[in-house]
Amino acid sequence: MTTSSRTDWMNHPELRRLVDNANRLTLAERLTLVKGLIPGIADEQTTEQFAAFVEEIKLKGNRFNEAKAHPGEGRATRSVPGERDIEAR
């Protein structure tokens, strides 16, 4: 979980605790949890914002899979852009 100017206001220790606890669940439970969060997220966003969120999640997964496939190579060698690249951090 990374931080940026967009997330500085968040309670990062609490978020980390929630993520750690969620990661103790089985894959099926974690997927159900994520699916359960979607209606509330979609309800508080415009259609365009939600589409951007879905794309961000897809990018996060692709970035993780690329990093996992090329351990120890660093982000400079990856072709999938990361959050830092997109946000120009």
C-alpha atoms as a PDB file:
ATOM      1  CA  MET A   1       0.000   0.000   0.000  1.00  0.00           C
ATOM      2  CA  THR A   2       1.600   3.235  -1.122  1.00  0.00           C
ATOM      3  CA  THR A   3       0.980   6.776  -0.014  1.00  0.00           C
ATOM      4  CA  SER A   4       0.663   9.900  -2.120  1.00  0.00           C
ATOM      5  CA  SER A   5      -0.645  13.424  -1.804  1.00  0.00           C
ATOM      6  CA  ARG A   6      -4.057  11.967  -2.708  1.00  0.00           C
ATOM      7  CA  THR A   7      -4.002   9.677   0.362  1.00  0.00           C
ATOM      8  CA  ASP A   8      -2.047  11.656   2.981  1.00  0.00           C
ATOM      9  CA  TRP A   9      -5.227  12.395   4.959  1.00  0.00           C
ATOM     10  CA  MET A  10      -6.108   8.717   5.414  1.00  0.00           C
ATOM     11  CA  ASN A  11      -5.563   6.698   8.585  1.00  0.00           C
ATOM     12  CA  HIS A  12      -2.869   4.436   7.126  1.00  0.00           C
ATOM     13  CA  PRO A  13      -2.280   2.293  10.252  1.00  0.00           C
ATOM     14  CA  GLU A  14      -5.994   1.468  10.402  1.00  0.00           C
ATOM     15  CA  LEU A  15      -6.118   0.716   6.681  1.00  0.00           C
ATOM     16  CA  ARG A  16      -3.060  -1.544   7.015  1.00  0.00           C
ATOM     17  CA  ARG A  17      -4.769  -3.384   9.907  1.00  0.00           C
ATOM     18  CA  LEU A  18      -7.898  -3.903   7.809  1.00  0.00           C
ATOM     19  CA  VAL A  19      -5.845  -5.137   4.836  1.00  0.00           C
ATOM     20  CA  ASP A  20      -3.811  -7.478   7.030  1.00  0.00           C
ATOM     21  CA  ASN A  21      -6.981  -8.907   8.579  1.00  0.00           C
ATOM     22  CA  ALA A  22      -8.642  -9.308   5.185  1.00  0.00           C
ATOM     23  CA  ASN A  23      -5.577 -11.129   3.877  1.00  0.00           C
ATOM     24  CA  ARG A  24      -6.081 -13.769   6.578  1.00  0.00           C
ATOM     25  CA  LEU A  25      -9.345 -14.748   4.869  1.00  0.00           C
ATOM     26  CA  THR A  26      -9.514 -17.394   2.164  1.00  0.00           C
ATOM     27  CA  LEU A  27      -9.421 -16.273  -1.457  1.00  0.00           C
ATOM     28  CA  ALA A  28     -13.164 -16.918  -1.794  1.00  0.00           C
ATOM     29  CA  GLU A  29     -13.856 -14.813   1.313  1.00  0.00           C
ATOM     30  CA  ARG A  30     -11.636 -11.970   0.070  1.00  0.00           C
ATOM     31  CA  LEU A  31     -13.370 -11.962  -3.320  1.00  0.00           C
ATOM     32  CA  THR A  32     -16.757 -11.876  -1.597  1.00  0.00           C
ATOM     33  CA  LEU A  33     -15.558  -9.007   0.596  1.00  0.00           C
ATOM     34  CA  VAL A  34     -14.411  -6.997  -2.434  1.00  0.00           C
ATOM     35  CA  LYS A  35     -17.668  -7.698  -4.261  1.00  0.00           C
ATOM     36  CA  GLY A  36     -19.564  -6.583  -1.169  1.00  0.00           C
ATOM     37  CA  LEU A  37     -17.751  -3.237  -1.186  1.00  0.00           C
ATOM     38  CA  ILE A  38     -18.486  -2.497  -4.862  1.00  0.00           C
ATOM     39  CA  PRO A  39     -22.095  -1.241  -4.551  1.00  0.00           C
ATOM     40  CA  GLY A  40     -21.123   1.345  -1.932  1.00  0.00           C
ATOM     41  CA  ILE A  41     -18.139   2.483  -3.986  1.00  0.00           C
ATOM     42  CA  ALA A  42     -20.170   2.716  -7.193  1.00  0.00           C
ATOM     43  CA  ASP A  43     -22.954   4.588  -5.399  1.00  0.00           C
ATOM     44  CA  GLU A  44     -20.584   7.368  -4.331  1.00  0.00           C
ATOM     45  CA  GLN A  45     -19.002   7.834  -7.766  1.00  0.00           C
ATOM     46  CA  THR A  46     -20.074   8.949 -11.189  1.00  0.00           C
ATOM     47  CA  THR A  47     -20.108   6.339 -13.938  1.00  0.00           C
ATOM     48  CA  GLU A  48     -16.841   7.790 -15.254  1.00  0.00           C
ATOM     49  CA  GLN A  49     -15.193   7.759 -11.830  1.00  0.00           C
ATOM     50  CA  PHE A  50     -16.214   4.158 -11.258  1.00  0.00           C
ATOM     51  CA  ALA A  51     -14.865   3.137 -14.680  1.00  0.00           C
ATOM     52  CA  ALA A  52     -11.560   4.832 -13.794  1.00  0.00           C
ATOM     53  CA  PHE A  53     -11.518   2.974 -10.462  1.00  0.00           C
ATOM     54  CA  VAL A  54     -12.062  -0.367 -12.205  1.00  0.00           C
ATOM     55  CA  GLU A  55      -9.237   0.455 -14.626  1.00  0.00           C
ATOM     56  CA  GLU A  56      -6.992   1.378 -11.694  1.00  0.00           C
ATOM     57  CA  ILE A  57      -7.691  -2.000 -10.058  1.00  0.00           C
ATOM     58  CA  LYS A  58      -6.948  -3.786 -13.341  1.00  0.00           C
ATOM     59  CA  LEU A  59      -3.677  -1.871 -13.683  1.00  0.00           C
ATOM     60  CA  LYS A  60      -2.739  -2.710 -10.079  1.00  0.00           C
ATOM     61  CA  GLY A  61      -3.249  -6.418 -10.778  1.00  0.00           C
ATOM     62  CA  ASN A  62      -1.305  -6.297 -14.033  1.00  0.00           C
ATOM     63  CA  ARG A  63       1.518  -4.392 -12.348  1.00  0.00           C
ATOM     64  CA  PHE A  64       1.691  -6.932  -9.517  1.00  0.00           C
ATOM     65  CA  ASN A  65       1.730  -9.882 -11.921  1.00  0.00           C
ATOM     66  CA  GLU A  66       4.491  -8.289 -13.976  1.00  0.00           C
ATOM     67  CA  ALA A  67       6.594  -7.615 -10.861  1.00  0.00           C
ATOM     68  CA  LYS A  68       6.019 -11.160  -9.632  1.00  0.00           C
ATOM     69  CA  ALA A  69       7.124 -12.577 -12.998  1.00  0.00           C
ATOM     70  CA  HIS A  70      10.348 -10.504 -12.938  1.00  0.00           C
ATOM     71  CA  PRO A  71      11.562 -10.466  -9.321  1.00  0.00           C
ATOM     72  CA  GLY A  72      14.494  -8.266  -8.424  1.00  0.00           C
ATOM     73  CA  GLU A  73      14.456  -6.325 -11.686  1.00  0.00           C
ATOM     74  CA  GLY A  74      12.975  -3.113 -10.295  1.00  0.00           C
ATOM     75  CA  ARG A  75      10.220  -0.989 -11.712  1.00  0.00           C
ATOM     76  CA  ALA A  76      12.418   0.687 -14.339  1.00  0.00           C
ATOM     77  CA  THR A  77      12.421  -2.541 -16.365  1.00  0.00           C
ATOM     78  CA  ARG A  78       8.646  -3.051 -16.298  1.00  0.00           C
ATOM     79  CA  SER A  79       6.332  -2.169 -19.162  1.00  0.00           C
ATOM     80  CA  VAL A  80       3.096  -1.811 -17.152  1.00  0.00           C
ATOM     81  CA  PRO A  81       2.936   1.716 -15.699  1.00  0.00           C
ATOM     82  CA  GLY A  82       2.585   2.008 -11.935  1.00  0.00           C
ATOM     83  CA  GLU A  83       0.741   4.519  -9.769  1.00  0.00           C
ATOM     84  CA  ARG A  84       3.883   6.638  -9.452  1.00  0.00           C
ATOM     85  CA  ASP A  85       4.228   6.810 -13.230  1.00  0.00           C
ATOM     86  CA  ILE A  86       0.581   7.722 -13.765  1.00  0.00           C
ATOM     87  CA  GLU A  87       0.543  10.294 -10.961  1.00  0.00           C
ATOM     88  CA  ALA A  88       3.996  11.631 -11.996  1.00  0.00           C
ATOM     89  CA  ARG A  89       5.457  11.023  -8.535  1.00  0.00           C
END
